[in-house]
Amino acid sequence: MMKEIKIYIQYSLEFFFIMLILIIMVLISVAYTTLLERKILGYIQLRKGPNKVGLIGIFQPFSDAIKLFCKETVSLMNINFFIYLFSPMLSMLLMMIMWFNYPYKFNLMSMNLGLIFMFCVFSIGVYGLMWAGWSSNSMYSLLGSIRLISQTISYEVSFMLLIFSIFMLTESYNILQMTFYQNNIWFIFMLSGIGLMFYVSLLIELNRTPFDLAEGESELVSGFNTEYMSGLFALIFLAEYGMINFMSMLYTMLFLGGIDFLFFFKVFFLIFSIIWMRGSFPRIRYDKLMYLVWKIFLSSILNFILFIMMIKLLLLD
């Protein structure tokens, strides 16, 4: 009995330190993703971007973090204070929980039901942003959160079906096993249409241009986060960029061959492409987004799932 307890404590400590290192690395990567975005957008717009704090602006993210967390928080009138305070923390917490799904190839830590776990966290994620808009007691924030809810409900149907189509081929919810199924050919070549729809759905999930309708500055000032400032705004910011890194990792695992010696280069390329989209395309109209999700994506993916089912039935026969 004592031996089993010692083994349990040992594994618990190992898991704790691995998760702690993961969280620290994620936060550092998020900080430098913001710098990367500002640099790329700067060169797209024919300017330098941050280049004053340290060599070529290398310490700029830490300077921004110190500035944001040291700024004064103004107490707003008639807000639901506890929900207003809790919502950014919830978004940040869910982003960090999503990273527990990271596939460890070398120390054999991976979830057999990782995709199911990811679905559950995705479904909860909208609550943090919805409560943030509602608790602010601002019409701009409320309109932004309402648009976010309708956008999320619309895209998540096809988004889940896209991942389900991959599951039907691999018959596994383990993200790490996606690497084994792509040893000979990446899914992006075999399922190019699914890969393209998944990439667009990824941009919608991340509220990135041209689908950043929940934060439409031109009509909503800043959307659901209008009344947030200082540290709470920084938490929303960190959650958004942490999800950019996570979704880039997920796309690499599902479509670009999974974990290999080019893994981090592929993740970097996807992050670069997401930022590149922001510098290249204008914001889409809201009704166009709904038409794209409900009329094009949903019908296409349902047809593709039927096609996969027929192929599998023929192969079984």
C-alpha atoms as a PDB file:
ATOM      1  CA  MET A   1       0.000   0.000   0.000  1.00  0.00           C
ATOM      2  CA  MET A   2       2.778   2.426   0.918  1.00  0.00           C
ATOM      3  CA  LYS A   3       4.595   1.598  -2.320  1.00  0.00           C
ATOM      4  CA  GLU A   4       1.497   2.421  -4.357  1.00  0.00           C
ATOM      5  CA  ILE A   5       1.092   5.724  -2.499  1.00  0.00           C
ATOM      6  CA  LYS A   6       4.736   6.634  -3.196  1.00  0.00           C
ATOM      7  CA  ILE A   7       4.313   5.824  -6.901  1.00  0.00           C
ATOM      8  CA  TYR A   8       1.115   7.922  -7.007  1.00  0.00           C
ATOM      9  CA  ILE A   9       2.856  10.865  -5.324  1.00  0.00           C
ATOM     10  CA  GLN A  10       5.805  10.553  -7.712  1.00  0.00           C
ATOM     11  CA  TYR A  11       3.584  10.582 -10.797  1.00  0.00           C
ATOM     12  CA  SER A  12       1.548  13.476  -9.375  1.00  0.00           C
ATOM     13  CA  LEU A  13       4.698  15.552  -8.825  1.00  0.00           C
ATOM     14  CA  GLU A  14       5.959  14.751 -12.318  1.00  0.00           C
ATOM     15  CA  PHE A  15       2.618  15.766 -13.809  1.00  0.00           C
ATOM     16  CA  PHE A  16       2.598  18.985 -11.746  1.00  0.00           C
ATOM     17  CA  PHE A  17       6.085  20.043 -12.893  1.00  0.00           C
ATOM     18  CA  ILE A  18       5.358  19.148 -16.520  1.00  0.00           C
ATOM     19  CA  MET A  19       2.162  21.230 -16.468  1.00  0.00           C
ATOM     20  CA  LEU A  20       3.966  24.100 -14.714  1.00  0.00           C
ATOM     21  CA  ILE A  21       6.672  24.147 -17.389  1.00  0.00           C
ATOM     22  CA  LEU A  22       3.983  23.966 -20.085  1.00  0.00           C
ATOM     23  CA  ILE A  23       2.085  26.938 -18.615  1.00  0.00           C
ATOM     24  CA  ILE A  24       5.265  29.041 -18.353  1.00  0.00           C
ATOM     25  CA  MET A  25       6.243  28.224 -21.946  1.00  0.00           C
ATOM     26  CA  VAL A  26       2.725  29.015 -23.187  1.00  0.00           C
ATOM     27  CA  LEU A  27       2.755  32.427 -21.486  1.00  0.00           C
ATOM     28  CA  ILE A  28       6.177  33.254 -22.950  1.00  0.00           C
ATOM     29  CA  SER A  29       5.043  32.141 -26.420  1.00  0.00           C
ATOM     30  CA  VAL A  30       1.898  34.288 -26.098  1.00  0.00           C
ATOM     31  CA  ALA A  31       4.028  37.312 -25.186  1.00  0.00           C
ATOM     32  CA  TYR A  32       6.205  36.913 -28.270  1.00  0.00           C
ATOM     33  CA  THR A  33       3.214  36.135 -30.501  1.00  0.00           C
ATOM     34  CA  THR A  34       2.011  39.674 -29.786  1.00  0.00           C
ATOM     35  CA  LEU A  35       5.438  41.032 -30.761  1.00  0.00           C
ATOM     36  CA  LEU A  36       5.439  38.896 -33.916  1.00  0.00           C
ATOM     37  CA  GLU A  37       2.019  40.254 -34.894  1.00  0.00           C
ATOM     38  CA  ARG A  38       3.052  43.866 -34.391  1.00  0.00           C
ATOM     39  CA  LYS A  39       6.235  43.306 -36.415  1.00  0.00           C
ATOM     40  CA  ILE A  40       4.456  41.544 -39.301  1.00  0.00           C
ATOM     41  CA  LEU A  41       1.663  44.135 -39.449  1.00  0.00           C
ATOM     42  CA  GLY A  42       4.282  46.859 -39.326  1.00  0.00           C
ATOM     43  CA  TYR A  43       6.124  45.530 -42.380  1.00  0.00           C
ATOM     44  CA  ILE A  44       2.833  44.899 -44.216  1.00  0.00           C
ATOM     45  CA  GLN A  45       1.970  48.569 -43.624  1.00  0.00           C
ATOM     46  CA  LEU A  46       5.514  49.748 -44.549  1.00  0.00           C
ATOM     47  CA  ARG A  47       6.660  50.663 -41.037  1.00  0.00           C
ATOM     48  CA  LYS A  48       9.025  49.146 -38.505  1.00  0.00           C
ATOM     49  CA  GLY A  49       6.827  48.131 -35.602  1.00  0.00           C
ATOM     50  CA  PRO A  50       8.235  47.948 -32.037  1.00  0.00           C
ATOM     51  CA  ASN A  51      12.006  48.482 -32.115  1.00  0.00           C
ATOM     52  CA  LYS A  52      12.901  50.672 -29.118  1.00  0.00           C
ATOM     53  CA  VAL A  53      12.710  48.419 -26.020  1.00  0.00           C
ATOM     54  CA  GLY A  54      15.774  46.202 -26.230  1.00  0.00           C
ATOM     55  CA  LEU A  55      17.345  44.883 -29.430  1.00  0.00           C
ATOM     56  CA  ILE A  56      14.723  45.107 -32.278  1.00  0.00           C
ATOM     57  CA  GLY A  57      12.026  45.398 -29.588  1.00  0.00           C
ATOM     58  CA  ILE A  58      12.759  42.011 -27.984  1.00  0.00           C
ATOM     59  CA  PHE A  59      11.617  43.173 -24.509  1.00  0.00           C
ATOM     60  CA  GLN A  60       8.524  45.001 -25.747  1.00  0.00           C
ATOM     61  CA  PRO A  61       6.026  42.272 -24.624  1.00  0.00           C
ATOM     62  CA  PHE A  62       7.292  42.420 -21.031  1.00  0.00           C
ATOM     63  CA  SER A  63       7.131  46.209 -21.093  1.00  0.00           C
ATOM     64  CA  ASP A  64       3.513  46.038 -22.292  1.00  0.00           C
ATOM     65  CA  ALA A  65       2.627  43.471 -19.613  1.00  0.00           C
ATOM     66  CA  ILE A  66       4.117  45.593 -16.821  1.00  0.00           C
ATOM     67  CA  LYS A  67       2.316  48.675 -18.134  1.00  0.00           C
ATOM     68  CA  LEU A  68      -1.074  46.914 -18.373  1.00  0.00           C
ATOM     69  CA  PHE A  69      -0.958  45.227 -14.966  1.00  0.00           C
ATOM     70  CA  CYS A  70       0.230  48.421 -13.258  1.00  0.00           C
ATOM     71  CA  LYS A  71      -2.475  50.650 -14.716  1.00  0.00           C
ATOM     72  CA  GLU A  72      -5.309  51.861 -12.502  1.00  0.00           C
ATOM     73  CA  THR A  73      -8.647  50.053 -12.724  1.00  0.00           C
ATOM     74  CA  VAL A  74     -11.609  52.419 -12.705  1.00  0.00           C
ATOM     75  CA  SER A  75     -14.612  51.170 -10.727  1.00  0.00           C
ATOM     76  CA  LEU A  76     -17.589  51.388 -13.074  1.00  0.00           C
ATOM     77  CA  MET A  77     -21.115  52.130 -11.920  1.00  0.00           C
ATOM     78  CA  ASN A  78     -23.937  49.573 -12.060  1.00  0.00           C
ATOM     79  CA  ILE A  79     -21.783  46.655 -13.197  1.00  0.00           C
ATOM     80  CA  ASN A  80     -22.195  43.115 -11.910  1.00  0.00           C
ATOM     81  CA  PHE A  81     -18.812  43.292 -10.227  1.00  0.00           C
ATOM     82  CA  PHE A  82     -18.056  39.643  -9.458  1.00  0.00           C
ATOM     83  CA  ILE A  83     -19.040  38.364 -12.918  1.00  0.00           C
ATOM     84  CA  TYR A  84     -17.235  41.338 -14.487  1.00  0.00           C
ATOM     85  CA  LEU A  85     -14.108  40.325 -12.558  1.00  0.00           C
ATOM     86  CA  PHE A  86     -14.498  36.572 -13.080  1.00  0.00           C
ATOM     87  CA  SER A  87     -15.129  36.527 -16.861  1.00  0.00           C
ATOM     88  CA  PRO A  88     -11.564  37.354 -18.067  1.00  0.00           C
ATOM     89  CA  MET A  89     -10.181  34.925 -15.488  1.00  0.00           C
ATOM     90  CA  LEU A  90     -12.481  32.207 -16.846  1.00  0.00           C
ATOM     91  CA  SER A  91     -11.333  32.859 -20.422  1.00  0.00           C
ATOM     92  CA  MET A  92      -7.685  32.695 -19.334  1.00  0.00           C
ATOM     93  CA  LEU A  93      -8.281  29.538 -17.282  1.00  0.00           C
ATOM     94  CA  LEU A  94     -10.011  27.736 -20.152  1.00  0.00           C
ATOM     95  CA  MET A  95      -7.173  28.658 -22.511  1.00  0.00           C
ATOM     96  CA  MET A  96      -4.642  27.136 -20.126  1.00  0.00           C
ATOM     97  CA  ILE A  97      -6.820  24.018 -19.659  1.00  0.00           C
ATOM     98  CA  MET A  98      -6.896  23.551 -23.426  1.00  0.00           C
ATOM     99  CA  TRP A  99      -3.095  23.248 -23.390  1.00  0.00           C
ATOM    100  CA  PHE A 100      -3.338  20.205 -21.105  1.00  0.00           C
ATOM    101  CA  ASN A 101      -4.326  18.464 -24.327  1.00  0.00           C
ATOM    102  CA  TYR A 102      -0.859  19.055 -25.754  1.00  0.00           C
ATOM    103  CA  PRO A 103       0.484  15.717 -27.100  1.00  0.00           C
ATOM    104  CA  TYR A 104       3.703  14.720 -25.349  1.00  0.00           C
ATOM    105  CA  LYS A 105       5.502  12.276 -27.608  1.00  0.00           C
ATOM    106  CA  PHE A 106       8.527  11.538 -25.426  1.00  0.00           C
ATOM    107  CA  ASN A 107       7.127  11.073 -21.917  1.00  0.00           C
ATOM    108  CA  LEU A 108       3.985   9.272 -23.149  1.00  0.00           C
ATOM    109  CA  MET A 109       1.451  11.724 -21.750  1.00  0.00           C
ATOM    110  CA  SER A 110      -1.583  12.055 -23.971  1.00  0.00           C
ATOM    111  CA  MET A 111      -5.359  11.882 -23.588  1.00  0.00           C
ATOM    112  CA  ASN A 112      -7.170   8.992 -25.244  1.00  0.00           C
ATOM    113  CA  LEU A 113     -10.290  11.182 -25.366  1.00  0.00           C
ATOM    114  CA  GLY A 114      -8.449  14.418 -26.114  1.00  0.00           C
ATOM    115  CA  LEU A 115     -10.813  15.617 -28.849  1.00  0.00           C
ATOM    116  CA  ILE A 116     -13.860  15.031 -26.608  1.00  0.00           C
ATOM    117  CA  PHE A 117     -12.151  16.994 -23.842  1.00  0.00           C
ATOM    118  CA  MET A 118     -11.464  19.783 -26.335  1.00  0.00           C
ATOM    119  CA  PHE A 119     -15.132  19.859 -27.428  1.00  0.00           C
ATOM    120  CA  CYS A 120     -16.228  20.267 -23.803  1.00  0.00           C
ATOM    121  CA  VAL A 121     -13.868  23.184 -23.172  1.00  0.00           C
ATOM    122  CA  PHE A 122     -14.870  24.840 -26.468  1.00  0.00           C
ATOM    123  CA  SER A 123     -18.528  24.675 -25.466  1.00  0.00           C
ATOM    124  CA  ILE A 124     -17.787  26.390 -22.133  1.00  0.00           C
ATOM    125  CA  GLY A 125     -15.484  29.026 -23.630  1.00  0.00           C
ATOM    126  CA  VAL A 126     -18.288  31.222 -24.932  1.00  0.00           C
ATOM    127  CA  TYR A 127     -19.623  31.827 -21.408  1.00  0.00           C
ATOM    128  CA  GLY A 128     -16.643  33.906 -20.325  1.00  0.00           C
ATOM    129  CA  LEU A 129     -17.020  36.324 -23.235  1.00  0.00           C
ATOM    130  CA  MET A 130     -20.828  36.362 -22.941  1.00  0.00           C
ATOM    131  CA  TRP A 131     -20.685  37.224 -19.225  1.00  0.00           C
ATOM    132  CA  ALA A 132     -18.004  39.834 -19.915  1.00  0.00           C
ATOM    133  CA  GLY A 133     -20.358  41.695 -22.267  1.00  0.00           C
ATOM    134  CA  TRP A 134     -23.449  41.318 -20.099  1.00  0.00           C
ATOM    135  CA  SER A 135     -21.854  42.220 -16.746  1.00  0.00           C
ATOM    136  CA  SER A 136     -20.282  45.434 -18.109  1.00  0.00           C
ATOM    137  CA  ASN A 137     -23.725  47.127 -18.248  1.00  0.00           C
ATOM    138  CA  SER A 138     -22.817  48.759 -21.563  1.00  0.00           C
ATOM    139  CA  MET A 139     -24.884  48.568 -24.735  1.00  0.00           C
ATOM    140  CA  TYR A 140     -21.772  48.253 -26.877  1.00  0.00           C
ATOM    141  CA  SER A 141     -20.478  45.359 -24.799  1.00  0.00           C
ATOM    142  CA  LEU A 142     -23.883  43.663 -24.752  1.00  0.00           C
ATOM    143  CA  LEU A 143     -24.254  43.912 -28.541  1.00  0.00           C
ATOM    144  CA  GLY A 144     -20.755  42.508 -28.974  1.00  0.00           C
ATOM    145  CA  SER A 145     -21.492  39.542 -26.709  1.00  0.00           C
ATOM    146  CA  ILE A 146     -24.808  38.835 -28.473  1.00  0.00           C
ATOM    147  CA  ARG A 147     -23.069  38.818 -31.851  1.00  0.00           C
ATOM    148  CA  LEU A 148     -20.392  36.562 -30.399  1.00  0.00           C
ATOM    149  CA  ILE A 149     -22.984  34.061 -29.129  1.00  0.00           C
ATOM    150  CA  SER A 150     -24.771  33.824 -32.481  1.00  0.00           C
ATOM    151  CA  GLN A 151     -21.447  33.562 -34.337  1.00  0.00           C
ATOM    152  CA  THR A 152     -20.183  30.843 -31.997  1.00  0.00           C
ATOM    153  CA  ILE A 153     -23.367  28.774 -32.151  1.00  0.00           C
ATOM    154  CA  SER A 154     -23.362  29.040 -35.938  1.00  0.00           C
ATOM    155  CA  TYR A 155     -19.779  27.981 -36.599  1.00  0.00           C
ATOM    156  CA  GLU A 156     -19.450  25.349 -33.840  1.00  0.00           C
ATOM    157  CA  VAL A 157     -21.926  23.023 -35.552  1.00  0.00           C
ATOM    158  CA  SER A 158     -19.801  22.724 -38.686  1.00  0.00           C
ATOM    159  CA  PHE A 159     -16.561  22.985 -36.661  1.00  0.00           C
ATOM    160  CA  MET A 160     -17.418  19.896 -34.616  1.00  0.00           C
ATOM    161  CA  LEU A 161     -18.533  18.020 -37.726  1.00  0.00           C
ATOM    162  CA  LEU A 162     -15.214  18.825 -39.419  1.00  0.00           C
ATOM    163  CA  ILE A 163     -13.305  17.243 -36.531  1.00  0.00           C
ATOM    164  CA  PHE A 164     -15.819  14.361 -36.485  1.00  0.00           C
ATOM    165  CA  SER A 165     -14.981  13.618 -40.127  1.00  0.00           C
ATOM    166  CA  ILE A 166     -11.325  13.186 -39.130  1.00  0.00           C
ATOM    167  CA  PHE A 167     -12.430  10.895 -36.293  1.00  0.00           C
ATOM    168  CA  MET A 168     -14.430   8.765 -38.728  1.00  0.00           C
ATOM    169  CA  LEU A 169     -11.270   8.151 -40.747  1.00  0.00           C
ATOM    170  CA  THR A 170      -8.907   7.506 -37.849  1.00  0.00           C
ATOM    171  CA  GLU A 171     -11.417   6.046 -35.350  1.00  0.00           C
ATOM    172  CA  SER A 172      -9.469   7.658 -32.520  1.00  0.00           C
ATOM    173  CA  TYR A 173      -9.992  10.673 -30.250  1.00  0.00           C
ATOM    174  CA  ASN A 174      -6.306  10.752 -29.325  1.00  0.00           C
ATOM    175  CA  ILE A 175      -4.595  13.749 -30.928  1.00  0.00           C
ATOM    176  CA  LEU A 176      -1.160  12.113 -30.696  1.00  0.00           C
ATOM    177  CA  GLN A 177      -2.313   9.179 -32.835  1.00  0.00           C
ATOM    178  CA  MET A 178      -3.045  11.569 -35.707  1.00  0.00           C
ATOM    179  CA  THR A 179       0.723  11.527 -36.338  1.00  0.00           C
ATOM    180  CA  PHE A 180       0.701   7.773 -36.986  1.00  0.00           C
ATOM    181  CA  TYR A 181      -2.075   8.020 -39.574  1.00  0.00           C
ATOM    182  CA  GLN A 182      -0.144  10.660 -41.538  1.00  0.00           C
ATOM    183  CA  ASN A 183       3.183   8.859 -41.902  1.00  0.00           C
ATOM    184  CA  ASN A 184       2.681   8.328 -45.645  1.00  0.00           C
ATOM    185  CA  ILE A 185       0.514  11.310 -46.612  1.00  0.00           C
ATOM    186  CA  TRP A 186      -0.684  14.379 -44.733  1.00  0.00           C
ATOM    187  CA  PHE A 187      -4.426  14.827 -44.372  1.00  0.00           C
ATOM    188  CA  ILE A 188      -4.174  18.301 -45.919  1.00  0.00           C
ATOM    189  CA  PHE A 189      -3.432  16.625 -49.282  1.00  0.00           C
ATOM    190  CA  MET A 190      -6.010  13.868 -48.914  1.00  0.00           C
ATOM    191  CA  LEU A 191      -8.714  16.115 -47.402  1.00  0.00           C
ATOM    192  CA  SER A 192      -7.860  19.504 -48.880  1.00  0.00           C
ATOM    193  CA  GLY A 193     -11.470  20.771 -48.803  1.00  0.00           C
ATOM    194  CA  ILE A 194     -11.892  19.764 -45.165  1.00  0.00           C
ATOM    195  CA  GLY A 195      -8.540  21.383 -44.336  1.00  0.00           C
ATOM    196  CA  LEU A 196      -9.553  24.671 -45.950  1.00  0.00           C
ATOM    197  CA  MET A 197     -12.942  24.742 -44.210  1.00  0.00           C
ATOM    198  CA  PHE A 198     -11.241  23.918 -40.905  1.00  0.00           C
ATOM    199  CA  TYR A 199      -8.800  26.806 -41.388  1.00  0.00           C
ATOM    200  CA  VAL A 200     -11.643  29.263 -42.004  1.00  0.00           C
ATOM    201  CA  SER A 201     -13.539  27.860 -38.992  1.00  0.00           C
ATOM    202  CA  LEU A 202     -10.342  28.315 -36.977  1.00  0.00           C
ATOM    203  CA  LEU A 203     -10.307  32.024 -37.857  1.00  0.00           C
ATOM    204  CA  ILE A 204     -13.970  32.299 -36.826  1.00  0.00           C
ATOM    205  CA  GLU A 205     -13.242  30.540 -33.518  1.00  0.00           C
ATOM    206  CA  LEU A 206     -10.385  32.921 -32.792  1.00  0.00           C
ATOM    207  CA  ASN A 207     -12.424  36.033 -33.748  1.00  0.00           C
ATOM    208  CA  ARG A 208      -9.686  37.014 -36.153  1.00  0.00           C
ATOM    209  CA  THR A 209      -9.897  39.117 -39.298  1.00  0.00           C
ATOM    210  CA  PRO A 210     -11.900  38.844 -41.502  1.00  0.00           C
ATOM    211  CA  PHE A 211     -14.283  37.301 -38.926  1.00  0.00           C
ATOM    212  CA  ASP A 212     -13.629  39.544 -35.895  1.00  0.00           C
ATOM    213  CA  LEU A 213     -17.278  40.579 -35.762  1.00  0.00           C
ATOM    214  CA  ALA A 214     -17.552  40.313 -31.969  1.00  0.00           C
ATOM    215  CA  GLU A 215     -14.911  43.076 -31.713  1.00  0.00           C
ATOM    216  CA  GLY A 216     -16.057  45.214 -34.622  1.00  0.00           C
ATOM    217  CA  GLU A 217     -14.461  48.562 -33.781  1.00  0.00           C
ATOM    218  CA  SER A 218     -16.281  50.388 -36.547  1.00  0.00           C
ATOM    219  CA  GLU A 219     -19.746  49.625 -35.155  1.00  0.00           C
ATOM    220  CA  LEU A 220     -19.191  48.414 -31.559  1.00  0.00           C
ATOM    221  CA  VAL A 221     -16.281  50.602 -30.327  1.00  0.00           C
ATOM    222  CA  SER A 222     -14.431  47.436 -29.202  1.00  0.00           C
ATOM    223  CA  GLY A 223     -17.136  44.835 -28.728  1.00  0.00           C
ATOM    224  CA  PHE A 224     -17.577  42.791 -25.553  1.00  0.00           C
ATOM    225  CA  ASN A 225     -14.336  44.110 -23.976  1.00  0.00           C
ATOM    226  CA  THR A 226     -15.209  47.819 -24.291  1.00  0.00           C
ATOM    227  CA  GLU A 227     -15.388  48.415 -20.523  1.00  0.00           C
ATOM    228  CA  TYR A 228     -12.297  46.382 -19.597  1.00  0.00           C
ATOM    229  CA  MET A 229      -8.978  47.987 -18.723  1.00  0.00           C
ATOM    230  CA  SER A 230      -5.564  47.298 -17.185  1.00  0.00           C
ATOM    231  CA  GLY A 231      -5.025  43.730 -15.909  1.00  0.00           C
ATOM    232  CA  LEU A 232      -8.470  42.379 -16.846  1.00  0.00           C
ATOM    233  CA  PHE A 233      -8.023  43.532 -20.439  1.00  0.00           C
ATOM    234  CA  ALA A 234      -4.580  41.893 -20.440  1.00  0.00           C
ATOM    235  CA  LEU A 235      -6.157  38.564 -19.390  1.00  0.00           C
ATOM    236  CA  ILE A 236      -8.602  38.706 -22.324  1.00  0.00           C
ATOM    237  CA  PHE A 237      -5.677  39.563 -24.599  1.00  0.00           C
ATOM    238  CA  LEU A 238      -3.594  36.655 -23.288  1.00  0.00           C
ATOM    239  CA  ALA A 239      -6.492  34.217 -23.675  1.00  0.00           C
ATOM    240  CA  GLU A 240      -7.014  35.273 -27.306  1.00  0.00           C
ATOM    241  CA  TYR A 241      -3.373  34.881 -28.312  1.00  0.00           C
ATOM    242  CA  GLY A 242      -2.978  31.660 -26.332  1.00  0.00           C
ATOM    243  CA  MET A 243      -5.849  30.197 -28.354  1.00  0.00           C
ATOM    244  CA  ILE A 244      -4.126  31.298 -31.586  1.00  0.00           C
ATOM    245  CA  ASN A 245      -1.098  29.216 -30.624  1.00  0.00           C
ATOM    246  CA  PHE A 246      -3.240  26.270 -29.519  1.00  0.00           C
ATOM    247  CA  MET A 247      -5.370  26.206 -32.668  1.00  0.00           C
ATOM    248  CA  SER A 248      -2.222  26.387 -34.810  1.00  0.00           C
ATOM    249  CA  MET A 249      -0.882  23.363 -32.927  1.00  0.00           C
ATOM    250  CA  LEU A 250      -4.213  21.532 -33.353  1.00  0.00           C
ATOM    251  CA  TYR A 251      -4.315  22.220 -37.106  1.00  0.00           C
ATOM    252  CA  THR A 252      -0.751  20.926 -37.417  1.00  0.00           C
ATOM    253  CA  MET A 253      -1.676  17.735 -35.563  1.00  0.00           C
ATOM    254  CA  LEU A 254      -4.835  17.103 -37.599  1.00  0.00           C
ATOM    255  CA  PHE A 255      -3.729  18.088 -41.108  1.00  0.00           C
ATOM    256  CA  LEU A 256       0.008  18.770 -41.388  1.00  0.00           C
ATOM    257  CA  GLY A 257       1.534  15.472 -40.328  1.00  0.00           C
ATOM    258  CA  GLY A 258       1.523  15.881 -36.557  1.00  0.00           C
ATOM    259  CA  ILE A 259       4.737  15.766 -34.527  1.00  0.00           C
ATOM    260  CA  ASP A 260       7.963  15.534 -36.535  1.00  0.00           C
ATOM    261  CA  PHE A 261      11.188  17.513 -36.843  1.00  0.00           C
ATOM    262  CA  LEU A 262       9.282  20.297 -38.679  1.00  0.00           C
ATOM    263  CA  PHE A 263       6.512  20.525 -36.068  1.00  0.00           C
ATOM    264  CA  PHE A 264       7.379  23.934 -34.638  1.00  0.00           C
ATOM    265  CA  PHE A 265       8.093  25.387 -38.091  1.00  0.00           C
ATOM    266  CA  LYS A 266       4.604  24.330 -39.208  1.00  0.00           C
ATOM    267  CA  VAL A 267       3.028  25.857 -36.100  1.00  0.00           C
ATOM    268  CA  PHE A 268       4.982  29.076 -36.693  1.00  0.00           C
ATOM    269  CA  PHE A 269       3.844  29.171 -40.329  1.00  0.00           C
ATOM    270  CA  LEU A 270       0.185  28.852 -39.274  1.00  0.00           C
ATOM    271  CA  ILE A 271       0.552  31.637 -36.692  1.00  0.00           C
ATOM    272  CA  PHE A 272       2.199  33.768 -39.386  1.00  0.00           C
ATOM    273  CA  SER A 273      -0.668  33.028 -41.820  1.00  0.00           C
ATOM    274  CA  ILE A 274      -3.307  34.024 -39.227  1.00  0.00           C
ATOM    275  CA  ILE A 275      -1.518  37.356 -38.682  1.00  0.00           C
ATOM    276  CA  TRP A 276      -1.060  37.744 -42.439  1.00  0.00           C
ATOM    277  CA  MET A 277      -4.835  37.415 -42.886  1.00  0.00           C
ATOM    278  CA  ARG A 278      -5.328  40.351 -40.535  1.00  0.00           C
ATOM    279  CA  GLY A 279      -3.072  42.544 -42.631  1.00  0.00           C
ATOM    280  CA  SER A 280      -4.600  41.487 -45.954  1.00  0.00           C
ATOM    281  CA  PHE A 281      -8.406  41.216 -45.732  1.00  0.00           C
ATOM    282  CA  PRO A 282     -11.196  43.557 -44.659  1.00  0.00           C
ATOM    283  CA  ARG A 283     -13.881  42.479 -42.188  1.00  0.00           C
ATOM    284  CA  ILE A 284     -16.627  40.323 -43.699  1.00  0.00           C
ATOM    285  CA  ARG A 285     -20.277  41.388 -43.489  1.00  0.00           C
ATOM    286  CA  TYR A 286     -22.266  39.605 -40.768  1.00  0.00           C
ATOM    287  CA  ASP A 287     -24.920  38.102 -43.031  1.00  0.00           C
ATOM    288  CA  LYS A 288     -22.156  36.834 -45.327  1.00  0.00           C
ATOM    289  CA  LEU A 289     -20.631  34.966 -42.384  1.00  0.00           C
ATOM    290  CA  MET A 290     -23.967  33.333 -41.530  1.00  0.00           C
ATOM    291  CA  TYR A 291     -24.503  32.354 -45.164  1.00  0.00           C
ATOM    292  CA  LEU A 292     -20.994  30.871 -45.329  1.00  0.00           C
ATOM    293  CA  VAL A 293     -21.437  28.784 -42.177  1.00  0.00           C
ATOM    294  CA  TRP A 294     -25.019  27.555 -42.566  1.00  0.00           C
ATOM    295  CA  LYS A 295     -25.417  27.258 -46.343  1.00  0.00           C
ATOM    296  CA  ILE A 296     -21.933  26.302 -47.576  1.00  0.00           C
ATOM    297  CA  PHE A 297     -19.898  24.733 -44.764  1.00  0.00           C
ATOM    298  CA  LEU A 298     -22.705  22.709 -43.172  1.00  0.00           C
ATOM    299  CA  SER A 299     -24.016  21.215 -46.404  1.00  0.00           C
ATOM    300  CA  SER A 300     -20.493  20.446 -47.661  1.00  0.00           C
ATOM    301  CA  ILE A 301     -19.355  18.683 -44.509  1.00  0.00           C
ATOM    302  CA  LEU A 302     -22.559  16.628 -44.237  1.00  0.00           C
ATOM    303  CA  ASN A 303     -22.067  15.420 -47.798  1.00  0.00           C
ATOM    304  CA  PHE A 304     -18.446  14.583 -47.037  1.00  0.00           C
ATOM    305  CA  ILE A 305     -19.405  12.579 -43.923  1.00  0.00           C
ATOM    306  CA  LEU A 306     -21.877  10.558 -46.010  1.00  0.00           C
ATOM    307  CA  PHE A 307     -19.101   9.961 -48.556  1.00  0.00           C
ATOM    308  CA  ILE A 308     -16.737   8.671 -45.847  1.00  0.00           C
ATOM    309  CA  MET A 309     -19.454   6.378 -44.467  1.00  0.00           C
ATOM    310  CA  MET A 310     -20.082   4.881 -47.899  1.00  0.00           C
ATOM    311  CA  ILE A 311     -16.359   4.327 -48.492  1.00  0.00           C
ATOM    312  CA  LYS A 312     -15.962   2.590 -45.127  1.00  0.00           C
ATOM    313  CA  LEU A 313     -19.018   0.382 -45.774  1.00  0.00           C
ATOM    314  CA  LEU A 314     -17.662  -0.611 -49.178  1.00  0.00           C
ATOM    315  CA  LEU A 315     -14.266  -1.438 -47.689  1.00  0.00           C
ATOM    316  CA  LEU A 316     -15.879  -3.544 -44.952  1.00  0.00           C
ATOM    317  CA  ASP A 317     -17.816  -5.506 -47.577  1.00  0.00           C
END
